[in-house]
Amino acid sequence: MTSPTHTPALAHPRWDGRRALFEIEHEGQRYSCAISSGALQELSGTRHFKPADLPRYFAEAHGRIEAIAVAKLLARKSGLLGVLSIWADDIDDPPPASSPVAMQQIPGVARSSS
């Protein structure tokens, strides 16, 4: 049974050759997401597989993929838009409670307001 705040990742990911594109729904909003083939390999425990196998591996890891996507969504800074990407590092090191390192301000460096 799914909770009323979010529903499972869509069952039919779209493949663009490098990643699977899919959507999740969380608290009544839809979010575009992507998982890299490397992250999918990490989840499946398989290093080499054919592109035709990707949908099966996505389906098998569907619950974990959604959980990681929701965790990353909740860790995002308010107002950030765009595709939420899941990388291999997200499998080994789940998203922190703060934003990704690339989005954090470097101490002593002012962030432009443009």
Protein backbone atom coordinates (compact mmCIF):
# COMPACT_ATOMS: atom_id res chain seq x y z
CA MET A 1 0.00 0.00 0.00
CA THR A 2 1.37 3.42 -0.88
CA SER A 3 1.17 6.37 1.45
CA PRO A 4 -1.01 9.29 0.42
CA THR A 5 2.03 11.61 0.22
CA HIS A 6 3.75 9.87 -2.69
CA THR A 7 3.20 7.18 -5.27
CA PRO A 8 5.67 4.74 -6.83
CA ALA A 9 7.98 5.78 -9.64
CA LEU A 10 6.32 5.38 -13.01
CA ALA A 11 6.59 1.82 -14.25
CA HIS A 12 7.80 2.73 -17.74
CA PRO A 13 11.11 4.57 -17.68
CA ARG A 14 12.32 6.17 -20.91
CA TRP A 15 15.90 5.38 -21.91
CA ASP A 16 18.04 8.05 -23.56
CA GLY A 17 21.13 5.87 -24.02
CA ARG A 18 22.87 6.96 -20.81
CA ARG A 19 20.14 7.05 -18.20
CA ALA A 20 16.55 6.15 -17.40
CA LEU A 21 14.15 9.08 -17.23
CA PHE A 22 11.13 8.67 -14.97
CA GLU A 23 8.81 10.64 -12.72
CA ILE A 24 7.80 10.41 -9.11
CA GLU A 25 4.88 12.02 -7.37
CA HIS A 26 5.42 13.45 -3.91
CA GLU A 27 2.87 15.45 -1.92
CA GLY A 28 0.72 15.99 -5.00
CA GLN A 29 3.56 17.24 -7.22
CA ARG A 30 5.28 15.39 -10.06
CA TYR A 31 9.05 15.52 -10.35
CA SER A 32 11.20 14.55 -13.32
CA CYS A 33 14.02 12.22 -12.35
CA ALA A 34 16.83 10.27 -13.99
CA ILE A 35 19.04 7.40 -12.90
CA SER A 36 22.39 6.83 -14.57
CA SER A 37 23.28 3.44 -15.97
CA GLY A 38 26.16 3.37 -13.44
CA ALA A 39 23.73 3.84 -10.54
CA LEU A 40 21.51 1.12 -11.94
CA GLN A 41 24.54 -1.16 -12.16
CA GLU A 42 25.34 -0.41 -8.50
CA LEU A 43 21.79 -1.26 -7.47
CA SER A 44 21.69 -4.47 -9.50
CA GLY A 45 25.16 -5.62 -8.46
CA THR A 46 25.87 -6.25 -12.14
CA ARG A 47 28.71 -4.40 -13.84
CA HIS A 48 28.04 -5.39 -17.42
CA PHE A 49 24.63 -5.85 -18.93
CA LYS A 50 22.96 -5.24 -22.24
CA PRO A 51 20.80 -2.15 -22.78
CA ALA A 52 17.85 -4.48 -23.29
CA ASP A 53 18.28 -5.62 -19.65
CA LEU A 54 17.97 -2.09 -18.22
CA PRO A 55 14.15 -2.10 -17.90
CA ARG A 56 14.27 -5.35 -15.92
CA TYR A 57 16.95 -4.01 -13.56
CA PHE A 58 14.96 -0.77 -13.15
CA ALA A 59 11.82 -2.75 -12.27
CA GLU A 60 13.71 -4.92 -9.77
CA ALA A 61 15.19 -1.86 -8.00
CA HIS A 62 12.06 0.27 -8.39
CA GLY A 63 11.43 0.69 -4.63
CA ARG A 64 15.02 1.63 -3.83
CA ILE A 65 15.15 4.03 -6.79
CA GLU A 66 12.03 5.81 -5.57
CA ALA A 67 13.33 5.98 -1.99
CA ILE A 68 16.61 7.52 -3.14
CA ALA A 69 14.77 9.99 -5.39
CA VAL A 70 12.48 11.11 -2.57
CA ALA A 71 15.45 11.45 -0.18
CA LYS A 72 17.30 13.60 -2.72
CA LEU A 73 14.16 15.64 -3.35
CA LEU A 74 13.77 16.35 0.37
CA ALA A 75 17.48 17.29 0.61
CA ARG A 76 17.17 19.77 -2.27
CA LYS A 77 17.21 23.44 -1.48
CA SER A 78 13.85 25.08 -1.95
CA GLY A 79 13.36 26.54 -5.41
CA LEU A 80 15.83 24.29 -7.25
CA LEU A 81 14.29 23.07 -10.47
CA GLY A 82 15.26 20.60 -13.14
CA VAL A 83 15.72 16.88 -13.44
CA LEU A 84 16.65 15.19 -10.17
CA SER A 85 19.52 12.85 -11.05
CA ILE A 86 20.56 9.70 -9.23
CA TRP A 87 24.24 8.84 -9.67
CA ALA A 88 26.30 5.83 -8.60
CA ASP A 89 27.62 7.83 -5.61
CA ASP A 90 24.05 8.19 -4.37
CA ILE A 91 23.82 4.41 -4.09
CA ASP A 92 27.01 4.06 -2.03
CA ASP A 93 26.47 7.25 -0.04
CA PRO A 94 22.79 8.14 0.32
CA PRO A 95 21.97 11.84 0.02
CA PRO A 96 22.93 13.87 3.08
CA ALA A 97 20.46 15.98 5.00
CA SER A 98 22.01 18.98 3.26
CA SER A 99 22.25 19.82 -0.42
CA PRO A 100 24.76 18.13 -2.76
CA VAL A 101 28.36 19.31 -2.47
CA ALA A 102 28.17 20.97 -5.89
CA MET A 103 25.30 23.14 -4.64
CA GLN A 104 26.82 24.08 -1.28
CA GLN A 105 28.50 27.41 -0.79
CA ILE A 106 32.27 27.22 -0.36
CA PRO A 107 33.27 28.94 2.90
CA GLY A 108 34.78 32.37 2.26
CA VAL A 109 33.43 32.57 -1.31
CA ALA A 110 30.47 34.84 -1.90
CA ARG A 111 27.69 33.46 -4.07
CA SER A 112 26.47 35.78 -6.80
CA SER A 113 22.82 36.79 -6.64
CA SER A 114 22.28 36.64 -10.41
